[in-house]
N, C-alpha and C. Protein backbone atom coordinates (compact mmCIF):
# COMPACT_ATOMS: atom_id res chain seq x y z
N MET A 1 0.55 -11.18 18.67
CA MET A 1 1.09 -12.12 17.71
C MET A 1 1.83 -11.33 16.63
N SER A 2 3.09 -11.70 16.40
CA SER A 2 3.89 -11.02 15.39
C SER A 2 3.48 -11.47 13.99
N GLU A 3 3.31 -10.50 13.11
CA GLU A 3 2.91 -10.75 11.73
C GLU A 3 3.75 -9.87 10.82
N GLN A 4 3.62 -10.15 9.53
CA GLN A 4 4.19 -9.24 8.54
C GLN A 4 3.16 -8.99 7.46
N THR A 5 3.28 -7.83 6.82
CA THR A 5 2.34 -7.42 5.80
C THR A 5 3.07 -6.63 4.73
N LEU A 6 2.48 -6.56 3.56
CA LEU A 6 3.05 -5.77 2.48
C LEU A 6 2.37 -4.41 2.43
N VAL A 7 3.17 -3.38 2.25
CA VAL A 7 2.67 -2.03 2.04
C VAL A 7 3.28 -1.51 0.75
N ILE A 8 2.45 -0.92 -0.08
CA ILE A 8 2.93 -0.27 -1.30
C ILE A 8 2.56 1.21 -1.22
N ILE A 9 3.57 2.06 -1.24
CA ILE A 9 3.30 3.49 -1.34
C ILE A 9 3.25 3.77 -2.84
N LYS A 10 2.11 4.21 -3.29
CA LYS A 10 1.82 4.34 -4.71
C LYS A 10 2.53 5.55 -5.33
N PRO A 11 2.52 5.65 -6.66
CA PRO A 11 3.31 6.69 -7.33
C PRO A 11 3.09 8.12 -6.82
N ASP A 12 1.87 8.47 -6.45
CA ASP A 12 1.65 9.83 -5.97
C ASP A 12 2.31 10.08 -4.62
N GLY A 13 2.46 9.05 -3.82
CA GLY A 13 3.16 9.20 -2.54
C GLY A 13 4.61 9.57 -2.74
N LEU A 14 5.24 8.98 -3.76
CA LEU A 14 6.62 9.33 -4.08
C LEU A 14 6.69 10.70 -4.73
N ALA A 15 5.82 10.94 -5.70
CA ALA A 15 5.83 12.22 -6.42
C ALA A 15 5.58 13.40 -5.48
N ARG A 16 4.75 13.18 -4.47
CA ARG A 16 4.42 14.25 -3.52
C ARG A 16 5.40 14.33 -2.35
N ARG A 17 6.42 13.48 -2.38
CA ARG A 17 7.49 13.46 -1.36
C ARG A 17 6.94 13.23 0.05
N LEU A 18 6.11 12.20 0.16
CA LEU A 18 5.49 11.86 1.44
C LEU A 18 6.12 10.64 2.11
N LEU A 19 7.16 10.07 1.53
CA LEU A 19 7.72 8.82 2.05
C LEU A 19 8.08 8.90 3.53
N GLY A 20 8.83 9.90 3.91
CA GLY A 20 9.26 10.01 5.31
C GLY A 20 8.09 10.11 6.26
N ARG A 21 7.11 10.91 5.89
CA ARG A 21 5.94 11.09 6.75
C ARG A 21 5.14 9.80 6.87
N ILE A 22 5.04 9.06 5.76
CA ILE A 22 4.29 7.80 5.77
C ILE A 22 5.02 6.76 6.61
N ILE A 23 6.29 6.57 6.35
CA ILE A 23 7.07 5.56 7.10
C ILE A 23 7.07 5.88 8.59
N GLN A 24 7.14 7.16 8.92
CA GLN A 24 7.15 7.56 10.33
C GLN A 24 5.91 7.06 11.07
N ARG A 25 4.76 7.04 10.39
CA ARG A 25 3.52 6.58 11.04
C ARG A 25 3.64 5.11 11.48
N PHE A 26 4.29 4.30 10.64
CA PHE A 26 4.47 2.88 11.00
C PHE A 26 5.47 2.75 12.14
N GLU A 27 6.55 3.49 12.07
CA GLU A 27 7.56 3.43 13.13
C GLU A 27 7.02 3.96 14.45
N ASP A 28 6.14 4.96 14.40
CA ASP A 28 5.54 5.49 15.62
C ASP A 28 4.71 4.42 16.35
N LYS A 29 4.20 3.45 15.60
CA LYS A 29 3.42 2.36 16.20
C LYS A 29 4.28 1.14 16.50
N GLN A 30 5.60 1.34 16.48
CA GLN A 30 6.59 0.30 16.78
C GLN A 30 6.52 -0.87 15.81
N LEU A 31 6.11 -0.58 14.58
CA LEU A 31 6.19 -1.57 13.51
C LEU A 31 7.54 -1.41 12.84
N GLN A 32 8.11 -2.52 12.41
CA GLN A 32 9.46 -2.51 11.83
C GLN A 32 9.38 -2.71 10.32
N ILE A 33 10.19 -1.95 9.60
CA ILE A 33 10.33 -2.15 8.16
C ILE A 33 11.45 -3.16 7.97
N SER A 34 11.11 -4.38 7.53
CA SER A 34 12.12 -5.42 7.42
C SER A 34 12.70 -5.55 6.01
N GLN A 35 11.96 -5.10 5.00
CA GLN A 35 12.45 -5.09 3.63
C GLN A 35 11.85 -3.87 2.95
N ILE A 36 12.63 -3.27 2.05
CA ILE A 36 12.14 -2.08 1.37
C ILE A 36 12.85 -1.94 0.03
N LYS A 37 12.11 -1.47 -0.97
CA LYS A 37 12.72 -1.20 -2.27
C LYS A 37 11.79 -0.29 -3.06
N ILE A 38 12.39 0.39 -4.03
CA ILE A 38 11.63 1.24 -4.93
C ILE A 38 11.77 0.65 -6.32
N GLU A 39 10.64 0.50 -7.01
CA GLU A 39 10.68 0.02 -8.40
C GLU A 39 9.44 0.48 -9.15
N THR A 40 9.55 0.46 -10.45
CA THR A 40 8.40 0.73 -11.31
C THR A 40 7.78 -0.60 -11.67
N LEU A 41 6.52 -0.77 -11.36
CA LEU A 41 5.85 -2.05 -11.59
C LEU A 41 5.44 -2.19 -13.05
N SER A 42 5.54 -3.41 -13.54
CA SER A 42 5.16 -3.69 -14.93
C SER A 42 3.65 -3.96 -15.01
N LYS A 43 3.15 -3.90 -16.22
CA LYS A 43 1.75 -4.22 -16.46
C LYS A 43 1.44 -5.64 -16.00
N ALA A 44 2.35 -6.57 -16.27
CA ALA A 44 2.15 -7.97 -15.85
C ALA A 44 2.08 -8.09 -14.33
N GLN A 45 2.98 -7.40 -13.63
CA GLN A 45 2.95 -7.44 -12.16
C GLN A 45 1.64 -6.88 -11.62
N LEU A 46 1.19 -5.80 -12.22
CA LEU A 46 -0.04 -5.16 -11.76
C LEU A 46 -1.27 -6.01 -12.06
N HIS A 47 -1.28 -6.67 -13.21
CA HIS A 47 -2.39 -7.58 -13.51
C HIS A 47 -2.43 -8.72 -12.51
N GLU A 48 -1.26 -9.24 -12.14
CA GLU A 48 -1.22 -10.32 -11.15
C GLU A 48 -1.65 -9.81 -9.77
N HIS A 49 -1.13 -8.65 -9.39
CA HIS A 49 -1.43 -8.11 -8.07
C HIS A 49 -2.91 -7.74 -7.92
N TYR A 50 -3.48 -7.18 -8.96
CA TYR A 50 -4.88 -6.75 -8.93
C TYR A 50 -5.78 -7.69 -9.72
N HIS A 51 -5.44 -8.97 -9.77
CA HIS A 51 -6.20 -9.95 -10.56
C HIS A 51 -7.68 -9.96 -10.20
N HIS A 52 -8.02 -9.68 -8.96
CA HIS A 52 -9.41 -9.67 -8.51
C HIS A 52 -10.18 -8.43 -8.98
N LEU A 53 -9.48 -7.47 -9.58
CA LEU A 53 -10.12 -6.23 -10.03
C LEU A 53 -10.10 -6.05 -11.55
N VAL A 54 -9.49 -6.98 -12.26
CA VAL A 54 -9.29 -6.83 -13.71
C VAL A 54 -10.59 -6.57 -14.46
N ASP A 55 -11.69 -7.15 -14.04
CA ASP A 55 -12.97 -7.00 -14.74
C ASP A 55 -13.76 -5.75 -14.30
N GLN A 56 -13.22 -4.99 -13.37
CA GLN A 56 -13.92 -3.80 -12.89
C GLN A 56 -13.75 -2.65 -13.87
N PRO A 57 -14.77 -1.81 -14.02
CA PRO A 57 -14.69 -0.71 -14.98
C PRO A 57 -13.56 0.29 -14.68
N PHE A 58 -13.15 0.39 -13.42
CA PHE A 58 -12.10 1.34 -13.04
C PHE A 58 -10.70 0.78 -13.21
N PHE A 59 -10.58 -0.50 -13.59
CA PHE A 59 -9.25 -1.12 -13.66
C PHE A 59 -8.29 -0.41 -14.61
N PRO A 60 -8.68 -0.02 -15.81
CA PRO A 60 -7.73 0.69 -16.69
C PRO A 60 -7.18 1.97 -16.06
N ARG A 61 -8.02 2.70 -15.33
CA ARG A 61 -7.59 3.92 -14.65
C ARG A 61 -6.60 3.59 -13.52
N LEU A 62 -6.87 2.51 -12.81
CA LEU A 62 -5.98 2.04 -11.74
C LEU A 62 -4.62 1.63 -12.33
N LEU A 63 -4.66 0.91 -13.43
CA LEU A 63 -3.44 0.45 -14.09
C LEU A 63 -2.59 1.65 -14.53
N ASP A 64 -3.22 2.63 -15.18
CA ASP A 64 -2.50 3.83 -15.62
C ASP A 64 -1.87 4.56 -14.44
N TYR A 65 -2.64 4.70 -13.38
CA TYR A 65 -2.15 5.37 -12.17
C TYR A 65 -0.94 4.66 -11.59
N MET A 66 -1.02 3.35 -11.46
CA MET A 66 0.06 2.59 -10.85
C MET A 66 1.32 2.54 -11.72
N MET A 67 1.17 2.89 -13.01
CA MET A 67 2.33 2.89 -13.90
C MET A 67 2.86 4.30 -14.16
N GLU A 68 2.33 5.30 -13.45
CA GLU A 68 2.78 6.69 -13.61
C GLU A 68 4.23 6.88 -13.20
N GLY A 69 4.70 6.06 -12.30
CA GLY A 69 6.06 6.20 -11.79
C GLY A 69 6.37 5.10 -10.81
N PRO A 70 7.51 5.18 -10.16
CA PRO A 70 7.89 4.13 -9.22
C PRO A 70 7.00 4.11 -7.98
N VAL A 71 7.02 2.96 -7.32
CA VAL A 71 6.34 2.77 -6.05
C VAL A 71 7.39 2.35 -5.02
N LEU A 72 7.06 2.50 -3.77
CA LEU A 72 7.90 1.97 -2.70
C LEU A 72 7.19 0.75 -2.13
N LEU A 73 7.89 -0.37 -2.14
CA LEU A 73 7.35 -1.62 -1.58
C LEU A 73 8.07 -1.88 -0.27
N MET A 74 7.31 -2.23 0.76
CA MET A 74 7.96 -2.56 2.02
C MET A 74 7.21 -3.65 2.77
N VAL A 75 7.98 -4.43 3.49
CA VAL A 75 7.42 -5.44 4.38
C VAL A 75 7.47 -4.84 5.78
N VAL A 76 6.30 -4.79 6.39
CA VAL A 76 6.15 -4.23 7.73
C VAL A 76 5.86 -5.38 8.67
N LYS A 77 6.58 -5.44 9.78
CA LYS A 77 6.33 -6.53 10.72
C LYS A 77 6.22 -6.02 12.14
N GLY A 78 5.52 -6.82 12.95
CA GLY A 78 5.34 -6.47 14.34
C GLY A 78 4.07 -7.09 14.89
N GLU A 79 3.74 -6.72 16.10
CA GLU A 79 2.54 -7.24 16.76
C GLU A 79 1.30 -6.79 15.99
N GLN A 80 0.50 -7.76 15.58
CA GLN A 80 -0.74 -7.50 14.83
C GLN A 80 -0.50 -6.49 13.70
N ALA A 81 0.57 -6.72 12.95
CA ALA A 81 0.99 -5.79 11.90
C ALA A 81 -0.11 -5.54 10.87
N ILE A 82 -0.88 -6.56 10.54
CA ILE A 82 -1.90 -6.40 9.51
C ILE A 82 -3.00 -5.45 9.98
N SER A 83 -3.56 -5.70 11.15
CA SER A 83 -4.65 -4.85 11.63
C SER A 83 -4.14 -3.45 11.98
N GLN A 84 -2.94 -3.35 12.55
CA GLN A 84 -2.39 -2.02 12.85
C GLN A 84 -2.17 -1.22 11.57
N THR A 85 -1.63 -1.89 10.55
CA THR A 85 -1.37 -1.23 9.28
C THR A 85 -2.66 -0.76 8.65
N ARG A 86 -3.69 -1.60 8.67
CA ARG A 86 -4.98 -1.21 8.08
C ARG A 86 -5.55 0.03 8.79
N LYS A 87 -5.36 0.12 10.10
CA LYS A 87 -5.84 1.30 10.83
C LYS A 87 -5.04 2.54 10.47
N ILE A 88 -3.74 2.39 10.30
CA ILE A 88 -2.88 3.51 9.92
C ILE A 88 -3.27 4.00 8.52
N VAL A 89 -3.55 3.07 7.62
CA VAL A 89 -3.85 3.39 6.22
C VAL A 89 -5.22 4.06 6.09
N GLY A 90 -6.25 3.52 6.73
CA GLY A 90 -7.60 4.08 6.64
C GLY A 90 -8.43 3.48 5.52
N ALA A 91 -9.66 3.91 5.41
CA ALA A 91 -10.61 3.39 4.43
C ALA A 91 -10.12 3.65 3.00
N THR A 92 -10.52 2.77 2.08
CA THR A 92 -10.10 2.86 0.68
C THR A 92 -10.41 4.22 0.07
N ASP A 93 -11.59 4.71 0.32
CA ASP A 93 -12.01 6.01 -0.20
C ASP A 93 -11.54 7.10 0.77
N PRO A 94 -10.63 7.96 0.35
CA PRO A 94 -10.14 9.01 1.26
C PRO A 94 -11.24 9.90 1.82
N LEU A 95 -12.35 10.04 1.11
CA LEU A 95 -13.45 10.85 1.62
C LEU A 95 -14.15 10.18 2.80
N GLU A 96 -14.00 8.86 2.91
CA GLU A 96 -14.59 8.12 4.02
C GLU A 96 -13.56 7.79 5.10
N ALA A 97 -12.29 7.96 4.78
CA ALA A 97 -11.22 7.65 5.73
C ALA A 97 -11.17 8.73 6.81
N GLU A 98 -10.92 8.30 8.02
CA GLU A 98 -10.85 9.23 9.14
C GLU A 98 -9.60 10.09 9.02
N MET A 99 -9.72 11.34 9.45
CA MET A 99 -8.54 12.19 9.56
C MET A 99 -7.59 11.52 10.56
N GLY A 100 -6.33 11.65 10.30
CA GLY A 100 -5.35 10.96 11.14
C GLY A 100 -4.85 9.67 10.51
N THR A 101 -5.60 9.16 9.51
CA THR A 101 -5.12 8.01 8.75
C THR A 101 -4.39 8.55 7.52
N LEU A 102 -3.57 7.72 6.92
CA LEU A 102 -2.82 8.15 5.74
C LEU A 102 -3.74 8.58 4.61
N ARG A 103 -4.76 7.77 4.33
CA ARG A 103 -5.68 8.13 3.24
C ARG A 103 -6.54 9.33 3.61
N GLY A 104 -6.95 9.42 4.86
CA GLY A 104 -7.74 10.56 5.30
C GLY A 104 -6.95 11.86 5.21
N ASP A 105 -5.66 11.79 5.51
CA ASP A 105 -4.82 12.99 5.50
C ASP A 105 -4.27 13.33 4.12
N PHE A 106 -3.95 12.31 3.31
CA PHE A 106 -3.21 12.56 2.07
C PHE A 106 -3.87 12.02 0.80
N GLY A 107 -4.88 11.15 0.92
CA GLY A 107 -5.50 10.56 -0.26
C GLY A 107 -6.31 11.58 -1.04
N VAL A 108 -6.44 11.34 -2.34
CA VAL A 108 -7.16 12.27 -3.22
C VAL A 108 -8.53 11.73 -3.59
N ASN A 109 -8.60 10.48 -4.05
CA ASN A 109 -9.86 9.82 -4.40
C ASN A 109 -9.67 8.31 -4.31
N LYS A 110 -10.70 7.54 -4.69
CA LYS A 110 -10.62 6.08 -4.54
C LYS A 110 -9.51 5.46 -5.37
N THR A 111 -9.16 6.06 -6.49
CA THR A 111 -8.05 5.55 -7.30
C THR A 111 -6.72 6.04 -6.75
N ARG A 112 -6.60 7.33 -6.56
CA ARG A 112 -5.35 7.94 -6.08
C ARG A 112 -5.39 7.99 -4.56
N ASN A 113 -5.40 6.79 -3.97
CA ASN A 113 -5.56 6.71 -2.52
C ASN A 113 -4.25 6.44 -1.78
N LEU A 114 -3.13 6.68 -2.44
CA LEU A 114 -1.81 6.79 -1.82
C LEU A 114 -1.11 5.49 -1.47
N ILE A 115 -1.86 4.49 -1.02
CA ILE A 115 -1.18 3.36 -0.38
C ILE A 115 -2.00 2.08 -0.51
N HIS A 116 -1.29 0.95 -0.55
CA HIS A 116 -1.92 -0.37 -0.52
C HIS A 116 -1.38 -1.09 0.70
N ALA A 117 -2.24 -1.87 1.35
CA ALA A 117 -1.83 -2.73 2.46
C ALA A 117 -2.58 -4.04 2.37
N SER A 118 -1.88 -5.13 2.60
CA SER A 118 -2.50 -6.46 2.59
C SER A 118 -3.64 -6.50 3.58
N ASP A 119 -4.68 -7.29 3.24
CA ASP A 119 -5.87 -7.32 4.11
C ASP A 119 -6.00 -8.56 4.97
N SER A 120 -5.08 -9.54 4.84
CA SER A 120 -5.16 -10.75 5.65
C SER A 120 -3.79 -11.42 5.68
N VAL A 121 -3.63 -12.38 6.55
CA VAL A 121 -2.37 -13.13 6.65
C VAL A 121 -2.07 -13.82 5.33
N ASP A 122 -3.06 -14.49 4.75
CA ASP A 122 -2.85 -15.20 3.49
C ASP A 122 -2.47 -14.24 2.36
N THR A 123 -3.19 -13.14 2.25
CA THR A 123 -2.89 -12.16 1.21
C THR A 123 -1.50 -11.57 1.42
N ALA A 124 -1.14 -11.29 2.66
CA ALA A 124 0.18 -10.73 2.96
C ALA A 124 1.28 -11.69 2.50
N GLN A 125 1.13 -12.96 2.82
CA GLN A 125 2.14 -13.95 2.40
C GLN A 125 2.26 -13.99 0.88
N GLU A 126 1.14 -14.00 0.21
CA GLU A 126 1.12 -14.06 -1.26
C GLU A 126 1.76 -12.80 -1.87
N GLU A 127 1.41 -11.65 -1.33
CA GLU A 127 1.93 -10.39 -1.87
C GLU A 127 3.41 -10.21 -1.58
N ILE A 128 3.85 -10.57 -0.39
CA ILE A 128 5.27 -10.48 -0.06
C ILE A 128 6.07 -11.39 -0.98
N ALA A 129 5.59 -12.59 -1.19
CA ALA A 129 6.28 -13.52 -2.11
C ALA A 129 6.32 -12.95 -3.53
N ARG A 130 5.26 -12.32 -3.96
CA ARG A 130 5.18 -11.75 -5.32
C ARG A 130 6.25 -10.69 -5.52
N PHE A 131 6.44 -9.83 -4.56
CA PHE A 131 7.32 -8.69 -4.74
C PHE A 131 8.72 -8.84 -4.14
N PHE A 132 8.87 -9.76 -3.19
CA PHE A 132 10.17 -9.93 -2.55
C PHE A 132 10.73 -11.34 -2.68
N GLY A 133 10.01 -12.23 -3.37
CA GLY A 133 10.52 -13.57 -3.59
C GLY A 133 10.44 -14.48 -2.40
């Protein structure tokens, strides 16, 4: 079943010049990048995007991290794009993520974990609409 999902390569992914290597992983799995842009997210956008985490003690650290610089936003589509993307990305905590996943290979810690990917069809639709209209 063809799906689409949102992927955000976080500021450290851009700063560390990992974009090509990250995008290649999706293309290697025959997933297509249908929309892509680079922008610096505002505090308001981040509060909306991470609304479910606002009350968490780590939220201020997450907010600061996400505002360090620009991010790359992309819509990835293809067969079972959501589950394939989640496998490519790996567990939230890079120390628990398997080697061979983006977070396992390049993530630093639970905050600086390199990448965001939608976790369901509903979330993907909401996130794509938020960032791509």
